Protein backbone atom coordinates (compact mmCIF):
# COMPACT_ATOMS: atom_id res chain seq x y z
CA UNK A 1 42.74 164.82 144.21
CA UNK A 2 44.77 165.74 141.20
CA UNK A 3 47.59 163.55 142.36
CA UNK A 4 45.33 160.47 141.90
CA UNK A 5 44.87 161.17 138.23
CA UNK A 6 47.72 159.62 136.27
CA UNK A 7 47.51 160.65 132.65
CA UNK A 8 51.08 159.35 132.23
CA UNK A 9 50.05 155.83 133.26
CA UNK A 10 49.29 154.28 129.91
CA UNK A 11 49.80 150.55 129.26
CA UNK A 12 52.15 151.19 126.38
CA UNK A 13 55.32 150.41 128.40
CA UNK A 14 54.02 146.86 128.90
CA UNK A 15 53.36 146.23 125.21
CA UNK A 16 57.02 146.10 124.14
CA UNK A 17 57.59 143.51 126.83
CA UNK A 18 54.70 141.45 125.48
CA UNK A 19 56.04 141.85 121.95
CA UNK A 20 59.44 140.55 122.96
CA UNK A 21 57.80 137.74 124.89
CA UNK A 22 55.87 136.68 121.81
CA UNK A 23 59.02 136.85 119.69
CA UNK A 24 60.90 134.65 122.16
CA UNK A 25 58.03 132.18 122.48
CA UNK A 26 57.66 132.00 118.70
CA UNK A 27 61.39 131.39 118.31
CA UNK A 28 61.38 128.67 120.98
CA UNK A 29 58.32 127.04 119.40
CA UNK A 30 59.92 127.15 115.97
CA UNK A 31 63.11 125.61 117.33
CA UNK A 32 61.09 122.88 119.04
CA UNK A 33 59.25 122.14 115.80
CA UNK A 34 62.54 121.94 113.89
CA UNK A 35 63.96 119.65 116.56
CA UNK A 36 60.89 117.43 116.40
CA UNK A 37 61.17 117.48 112.62
CA UNK A 38 64.73 116.24 112.86
CA UNK A 39 64.28 113.64 115.61
CA UNK A 40 60.75 112.26 115.22
CA UNK A 41 59.40 112.92 111.72
CA UNK A 42 62.33 111.26 109.88
CA UNK A 43 61.51 108.02 111.67
CA UNK A 44 58.37 107.93 109.51
CA UNK A 45 59.47 110.16 106.59
CA UNK A 46 63.29 109.88 106.21
CA UNK A 47 63.45 112.25 103.22
CA UNK A 48 62.20 115.09 105.39
CA UNK A 49 65.30 115.07 107.61
CA UNK A 50 67.72 116.53 105.05
CA UNK A 51 66.05 119.93 104.64
CA UNK A 52 65.19 120.13 108.35
CA UNK A 53 68.80 119.48 109.32
CA UNK A 54 70.06 122.20 106.98
CA UNK A 55 67.67 124.76 108.46
CA UNK A 56 68.55 123.81 112.02
CA UNK A 57 72.30 123.95 111.33
CA UNK A 58 71.95 127.56 110.28
CA UNK A 59 70.41 128.29 113.71
CA UNK A 60 72.43 126.23 116.20
CA UNK A 61 75.41 124.91 114.19
CA UNK A 62 76.42 121.42 113.00
CA UNK A 63 77.45 119.99 116.39
CA UNK A 64 74.07 120.14 118.18
CA UNK A 65 72.30 119.01 115.01
CA UNK A 66 74.50 115.92 114.84
CA UNK A 67 73.44 115.00 118.37
CA UNK A 68 69.78 115.38 117.39
CA UNK A 69 70.39 113.30 114.27
CA UNK A 70 71.80 110.53 116.43
CA UNK A 71 68.53 110.48 118.37
CA UNK A 72 66.65 110.38 115.07
CA UNK A 73 68.79 107.47 113.86
CA UNK A 74 67.93 105.51 117.02
CA UNK A 75 64.21 106.13 116.51
CA UNK A 76 64.41 105.14 112.86
CA UNK A 77 66.34 102.01 113.77
CA UNK A 78 63.70 100.90 116.28
CA UNK A 79 60.87 101.70 113.88
CA UNK A 80 62.54 99.71 111.09
CA UNK A 81 63.14 96.75 113.38
CA UNK A 82 59.45 96.81 114.29
CA UNK A 83 58.41 97.08 110.64
CA UNK A 84 60.64 94.18 109.70
CA UNK A 85 59.18 92.05 112.50
CA UNK A 86 55.66 92.74 111.25
CA UNK A 87 56.73 91.65 107.76
CA UNK A 88 58.29 88.39 108.85
CA UNK A 89 61.82 89.66 109.38
CA UNK A 90 62.48 90.46 105.73
CA UNK A 91 65.09 93.09 104.76
CA UNK A 92 63.76 96.56 104.01
CA UNK A 93 66.14 97.04 101.10
CA UNK A 94 65.68 95.76 97.55
CA UNK A 95 67.16 96.16 94.09
CA UNK A 96 65.03 97.99 91.54
CA UNK A 97 64.34 96.50 88.16
CA UNK A 98 65.01 98.50 84.98
CA UNK A 99 61.77 99.66 83.36
CA UNK A 100 63.16 99.09 79.85
CA UNK A 101 65.85 96.79 78.43
CA UNK A 102 69.27 98.37 78.56
CA UNK A 103 71.31 98.70 75.38
CA UNK A 104 73.72 95.84 74.75
CA UNK A 105 76.68 98.16 74.34
CA UNK A 106 77.40 101.75 75.27
CA UNK A 107 80.11 102.15 72.67
CA UNK A 108 80.98 100.74 69.29
CA UNK A 109 84.62 100.36 70.23
CA UNK A 110 85.81 96.76 70.11
CA UNK A 111 87.02 95.22 73.38
CA UNK A 112 90.52 96.38 74.26
CA UNK A 113 91.25 93.85 76.97
CA UNK A 114 90.66 90.68 74.96
CA UNK A 115 93.93 89.27 73.57
CA UNK A 116 93.88 88.87 69.83
CA UNK A 117 94.96 85.66 68.11
CA UNK A 118 96.87 86.18 64.88
CA UNK A 119 96.31 83.44 62.29
CA UNK A 120 99.24 83.13 59.84
CA UNK A 121 98.51 83.26 56.15
CA UNK A 122 98.78 79.86 54.43
CA UNK A 123 101.99 79.23 52.49
CA UNK A 124 103.19 76.50 50.21
CA UNK A 125 104.97 74.88 53.10
CA UNK A 126 102.96 74.79 56.34
CA UNK A 127 104.83 76.46 59.12
CA UNK A 128 105.21 74.55 62.38
CA UNK A 129 103.52 77.28 64.43
CA UNK A 130 101.59 76.48 67.59
CA UNK A 131 98.89 79.10 67.98
CA UNK A 132 98.45 80.39 71.54
CA UNK A 133 95.29 79.49 73.40
CA UNK A 134 93.37 82.65 74.29
CA UNK A 135 93.58 83.42 77.99
CA UNK A 136 90.13 83.74 79.56
CA UNK A 137 89.48 87.25 80.72
CA UNK A 138 88.21 87.58 84.27
CA UNK A 139 84.55 88.51 84.28
CA UNK A 140 83.05 91.05 86.65
CA UNK A 141 80.32 88.54 87.55
CA UNK A 142 82.58 85.50 88.14
CA UNK A 143 85.71 86.97 89.70
CA UNK A 144 86.37 86.00 93.32
CA UNK A 145 85.29 86.58 96.01
CA UNK A 146 81.92 85.17 94.98
CA UNK A 147 79.00 86.65 96.91
CA UNK A 148 76.29 86.18 94.31
CA UNK A 149 77.34 88.78 91.74
CA UNK A 150 74.86 89.37 88.93
CA UNK A 151 75.49 91.40 85.79
CA UNK A 152 74.20 94.95 86.17
CA UNK A 153 73.82 97.79 83.72
CA UNK A 154 74.70 97.91 80.04
CA UNK A 155 77.48 95.95 78.39
CA UNK A 156 80.50 98.07 77.53
CA UNK A 157 82.88 97.10 74.74
CA UNK A 158 81.33 93.68 74.37
CA UNK A 159 81.00 92.58 77.97
CA UNK A 160 79.44 93.36 81.33
CA UNK A 161 81.09 96.29 83.06
CA UNK A 162 79.34 96.05 86.44
CA UNK A 163 77.81 93.45 88.73
CA UNK A 164 75.70 93.80 91.87
CA UNK A 165 75.06 91.71 94.97
CA UNK A 166 73.19 92.03 98.26
CA UNK A 167 74.66 90.77 101.54
CA UNK A 168 73.21 90.58 105.06
CA UNK A 169 75.77 91.08 107.81
CA UNK A 170 74.03 92.38 110.93
CA UNK A 171 72.38 89.55 112.94
CA UNK A 172 70.76 92.11 115.26
CA UNK A 173 68.89 93.86 112.44
CA UNK A 174 66.98 91.71 110.01
CA UNK A 175 65.82 94.78 108.10
CA UNK A 176 69.33 95.80 107.04
CA UNK A 177 71.41 94.83 104.06
CA UNK A 178 74.36 96.18 102.11
CA UNK A 179 74.02 96.49 98.35
CA UNK A 180 77.31 96.25 96.44
CA UNK A 181 78.21 97.20 92.89
CA UNK A 182 81.48 95.88 91.44
CA UNK A 183 82.79 98.14 88.66
CA UNK A 184 85.31 96.93 86.08
CA UNK A 185 87.81 99.77 85.64
CA UNK A 186 89.25 98.18 82.49
CA UNK A 187 85.95 99.07 80.82
CA UNK A 188 84.89 102.17 82.76
CA UNK A 189 86.55 105.45 83.69
CA UNK A 190 85.81 107.26 86.97
CA UNK A 191 85.19 111.02 87.05
CA UNK A 192 84.69 113.42 89.98
CA UNK A 193 82.36 116.41 89.72
CA UNK A 194 81.80 119.10 92.39
CA UNK A 195 78.29 120.37 93.02
CA UNK A 196 77.10 123.89 92.43
CA UNK A 197 77.19 124.50 96.21
CA UNK A 198 79.15 121.68 97.83
CA UNK A 199 81.71 121.07 98.89
CA UNK A 200 82.66 124.65 99.72
CA UNK A 201 84.72 126.17 96.94
CA UNK A 202 86.26 129.49 95.89
CA UNK A 203 84.48 131.83 93.55
CA UNK A 204 85.16 131.51 89.86
CA UNK A 205 85.10 127.72 89.91
CA UNK A 206 82.57 127.62 87.07
CA UNK A 207 85.25 129.13 84.80
CA UNK A 208 87.72 126.42 85.74
CA UNK A 209 85.26 123.49 85.71
CA UNK A 210 82.65 123.50 82.99
CA UNK A 211 79.19 121.96 83.50
CA UNK A 212 79.49 122.38 87.26
CA UNK A 213 77.21 120.01 89.18
CA UNK A 214 76.26 117.80 86.23
CA UNK A 215 77.77 115.25 83.86
CA UNK A 216 79.53 117.19 81.14
CA UNK A 217 77.69 117.06 77.78
CA UNK A 218 80.70 115.55 76.03
CA UNK A 219 80.66 112.64 78.49
CA UNK A 220 76.93 112.00 78.39
CA UNK A 221 77.15 109.99 75.19
CA UNK A 222 79.31 107.43 77.01
CA UNK A 223 77.68 107.78 80.44
CA UNK A 224 77.06 104.45 82.18
CA UNK A 225 76.45 105.26 85.85
CA UNK A 226 76.74 107.93 88.55
CA UNK A 227 76.71 107.89 92.34
CA UNK A 228 76.81 110.24 95.33
CA UNK A 229 79.87 112.02 96.69
CA UNK A 230 80.85 112.88 100.25
CA UNK A 231 80.06 115.26 103.10
CA UNK A 232 79.37 118.97 102.84
CA UNK A 233 82.27 121.32 103.50
CA UNK A 234 80.99 122.22 106.97
CA UNK A 235 81.32 118.57 108.00
CA UNK A 236 85.07 118.21 108.16
CA UNK A 237 86.34 120.41 105.31
CA UNK A 238 87.67 117.31 103.59
CA UNK A 239 89.91 118.01 100.61
CA UNK A 240 88.87 117.94 96.98
CA UNK A 241 90.56 118.62 93.66
CA UNK A 242 89.04 118.28 90.19
CA UNK A 243 91.04 118.46 86.96
CA UNK A 244 93.92 120.11 88.81
CA UNK A 245 91.70 122.78 90.44
CA UNK A 246 91.75 122.62 94.26
CA UNK A 247 88.41 123.29 95.92
CA UNK A 248 89.56 122.38 99.45
CA UNK A 249 93.13 121.47 100.46
CA UNK A 250 93.78 117.87 101.54
CA UNK A 251 93.87 116.87 105.20
CA UNK A 252 96.51 114.42 106.45
CA UNK A 253 95.52 110.83 107.26
CA UNK A 254 92.05 111.18 105.73
CA UNK A 255 90.68 108.59 103.35
CA UNK A 256 91.13 109.75 99.76
CA UNK A 257 90.09 108.49 96.34
CA UNK A 258 92.55 109.74 93.71
CA UNK A 259 92.44 109.79 89.92
CA UNK A 260 95.75 110.02 88.05
CA UNK A 261 96.65 111.36 84.65
CA UNK A 262 96.76 107.89 83.07
CA UNK A 263 93.24 107.19 84.39
CA UNK A 264 94.09 104.71 87.13
CA UNK A 265 92.53 104.95 90.60
CA UNK A 266 93.96 104.74 94.11
CA UNK A 267 92.22 104.77 97.50
CA UNK A 268 94.09 105.33 100.75
CA UNK A 269 95.03 107.76 103.50
CA UNK A 270 96.53 111.09 102.47
CA UNK A 271 100.23 111.17 103.34
CA UNK A 272 100.49 107.39 103.35
CA UNK A 273 99.20 105.75 100.18
CA UNK A 274 98.16 109.01 98.50
CA UNK A 275 100.70 111.85 98.20
CA UNK A 276 101.01 115.05 96.17
CA UNK A 277 102.08 114.32 92.61
CA UNK A 278 102.14 116.03 89.23
CA UNK A 279 100.30 112.98 87.90
CA UNK A 280 97.43 113.46 90.38
CA UNK A 281 94.56 115.29 88.64
CA UNK A 282 91.55 114.75 90.93
CA UNK A 283 90.84 113.58 94.46
CA UNK A 284 88.09 113.54 97.06
CA UNK A 285 88.49 112.97 100.82
CA UNK A 286 85.88 111.90 103.36
CA UNK A 287 86.51 110.74 106.95
CA UNK A 288 89.13 108.21 108.15
CA UNK A 289 89.65 105.00 106.14
CA UNK A 290 87.25 102.10 106.60
CA UNK A 291 89.69 99.51 105.28
CA UNK A 292 93.47 99.92 104.96
CA UNK A 293 95.68 97.36 103.23
CA UNK A 294 93.10 94.61 103.64
CA UNK A 295 92.42 95.30 107.33
CA UNK A 296 89.41 96.91 108.96
CA UNK A 297 90.28 100.16 110.70
CA UNK A 298 90.48 99.19 114.44
CA UNK A 299 89.12 102.61 115.44
CA UNK A 300 85.73 101.78 113.92
CA UNK A 301 84.62 99.96 117.08
CA UNK A 302 85.18 103.13 119.15
CA UNK A 303 82.50 105.81 119.11
CA UNK A 304 84.11 109.00 117.80
CA UNK A 305 81.93 111.85 116.66
CA UNK A 306 84.63 114.43 115.96
CA UNK A 307 86.53 112.28 113.45
CA UNK A 308 83.48 111.46 111.34
CA UNK A 309 82.02 114.82 110.37
CA UNK A 310 80.04 115.19 113.62
CA UNK A 311 78.03 112.02 112.93
CA UNK A 312 79.25 109.17 115.11
CA UNK A 313 80.76 106.20 113.32
CA UNK A 314 78.65 103.87 115.46
CA UNK A 315 75.34 105.57 114.53
CA UNK A 316 73.01 103.24 112.64
CA UNK A 317 71.89 104.95 109.45
CA UNK A 318 72.13 104.79 105.68
CA UNK A 319 75.81 104.85 104.68
CA UNK A 320 77.61 104.74 101.35
CA UNK A 321 81.23 104.22 100.40
CA UNK A 322 83.70 103.06 97.76
CA UNK A 323 86.51 100.55 97.84
CA UNK A 324 89.21 99.26 95.50
CA UNK A 325 90.61 95.78 95.02
CA UNK A 326 94.30 95.21 95.58
CA UNK A 327 95.07 94.92 91.85
CA UNK A 328 93.15 98.13 91.14
CA UNK A 329 90.84 96.49 88.65
CA UNK A 330 87.55 96.70 90.50
CA UNK A 331 86.00 99.74 92.14
CA UNK A 332 83.27 98.75 94.62
CA UNK A 333 80.32 100.92 95.61
CA UNK A 334 78.44 100.01 98.80
CA UNK A 335 75.21 101.28 100.34
CA UNK A 336 73.59 100.02 103.54
CA UNK A 337 70.16 100.98 104.86
CA UNK A 338 70.92 100.64 108.61
CA UNK A 339 74.65 100.45 108.94
CA UNK A 340 77.32 101.59 111.39
CA UNK A 341 80.71 102.27 109.80
CA UNK A 342 82.06 98.96 111.10
CA UNK A 343 79.45 96.92 109.21
CA UNK A 344 80.14 98.92 106.04
CA UNK A 345 83.84 98.05 106.37
CA UNK A 346 82.97 94.36 106.78
CA UNK A 347 80.89 94.52 103.60
CA UNK A 348 83.86 95.90 101.66
CA UNK A 349 86.09 93.11 102.94
CA UNK A 350 83.49 90.52 101.89
CA UNK A 351 83.45 92.09 98.42
CA UNK A 352 87.24 91.93 98.08
CA UNK A 353 88.20 95.57 98.72
CA UNK A 354 91.77 96.13 99.85
CA UNK A 355 91.19 99.81 100.69
CA UNK A 356 87.86 101.53 101.27
CA UNK A 357 86.36 104.81 102.46
CA UNK A 358 82.98 106.22 103.46
CA UNK A 359 81.06 108.66 101.29
CA UNK A 360 77.79 110.38 102.23
CA UNK A 361 75.19 109.16 104.75
CA UNK A 362 71.40 109.48 105.14
CA UNK A 363 68.84 107.94 102.80
CA UNK A 364 68.17 111.20 100.98
CA UNK A 365 71.80 111.47 99.85
CA UNK A 366 72.40 107.84 98.85
CA UNK A 367 72.29 107.65 95.04
CA UNK A 368 73.43 105.16 92.43
CA UNK A 369 71.99 105.40 88.91
CA UNK A 370 72.60 103.66 85.62
CA UNK A 371 71.63 105.42 82.38
CA UNK A 372 70.08 104.44 79.10
CA UNK A 373 68.86 106.33 76.03
CA UNK A 374 65.77 108.42 76.69
CA UNK A 375 63.30 110.30 74.53
CA UNK A 376 65.34 112.13 71.91
CA UNK A 377 62.51 114.41 70.88
CA UNK A 378 63.05 118.17 71.28
CA UNK A 379 62.86 119.39 74.85
CA UNK A 380 63.48 115.97 76.37
CA UNK A 381 66.55 114.34 77.88
CA UNK A 382 68.71 112.10 75.74
CA UNK A 383 69.29 109.85 78.77
CA UNK A 384 67.19 108.53 81.61
CA UNK A 385 68.43 107.12 84.89
CA UNK A 386 67.43 103.96 86.76
CA UNK A 387 68.10 103.82 90.52
CA UNK A 388 69.94 100.92 92.09
CA UNK A 389 67.48 100.48 94.98
CA UNK A 390 63.74 100.94 95.31
CA UNK A 391 64.40 102.94 98.50
CA UNK A 392 66.48 105.58 96.72
CA UNK A 393 64.77 108.75 95.49
CA UNK A 394 63.41 108.30 91.99
CA UNK A 395 64.87 111.05 89.83
CA UNK A 396 65.54 109.77 86.29
CA UNK A 397 67.44 112.96 85.41
CA UNK A 398 69.66 113.10 88.47
CA UNK A 399 73.12 114.49 87.62
CA UNK A 400 71.95 115.38 84.11
CA UNK A 401 71.02 118.82 85.42
CA UNK A 402 73.04 120.94 87.89
CA UNK A 403 73.14 119.33 91.34
CA UNK A 404 74.15 121.17 94.54
CA UNK A 405 76.21 118.24 95.89
CA UNK A 406 79.32 116.63 94.43
CA UNK A 407 79.18 113.19 92.82
CA UNK A 408 81.10 110.59 90.80
CA UNK A 409 80.26 109.27 87.36
CA UNK A 410 81.45 106.46 85.09
CA UNK A 411 81.94 106.49 81.33
CA UNK A 412 82.86 103.73 78.91
CA UNK A 413 86.51 103.61 77.93
């Protein structure tokens, strides 16, 4: 009967199989939870989607995550339509009101764009001189096209430097709107700043660009506003250069905002309107153009995921962008709370942009802040920020401390 006794028949060989089974089941469950977090939870808590998406990208890559995000966008769209219906069809986007009065002027420099009138000194014989009538200077709130612009932010050099307006363009979605900020570039200067992490950049950048990820201390005394940049490097590897230092090389035909040595701004496709130049000091690319030479990009009506950083241009989500008027005087920032790229382009055309491009998407990454003096006591910030919209995250010190994502900021001239 000895052959019936199996001392070498322990259950230990089965345990490794059970261990691996538990590991696989745990991994599958975790992936399912992340997927649910990306597709379902953001419909109720949009801010949650950003961190979930980053975690999931590290597991499955950006392509599959973009598909899941599209599902999430559809769920959020339906939820927002339902919410708007319950609230009488009102838009779910609103301007915030500054908590404190803004200073009347950010600088003590007299206006540089107002023509001076020279009065001759009296003489014994009056001179037959006809004094010129001062030419009215176009105002950021009254310049055409008129879509209800209202002065926004502090006065700079004796006059308003920005104006904002809200327009409703999508008849199928009563909850959506596009907020616009018109920026007078005769009074304000645009700057580009890379984040501490994004877009992807070579090592040693902190030596080439001081105050990486935040408004430089020397510019904070004249800081007026700041707003979000573009996609992460993994989403298209769009080009970027700051103060002559190239973080990512430019891609042909991609929408580009460029800053030149004399301070003027251009927006257009690389290789067409924007070309390499010794006068070009900074640029940022992001996706194909929305508007080119006063015309909406005809490709916007065609769903194309690969050309738009994996996120389809027809997906309905929060989108931001910037445009420029034909004369180069006004930079226009736009943010929509449920907007395909085509609607964003239409908003730029309504606002008078001749060329325009998309920036970042998703509610968590849509930022526009104006700044005013804060508590100057030791240990506190000298400035505090006010968000453009109630639906934007409320961080009064955004861009005053190092930020992982790139952004733009505006200072008084």
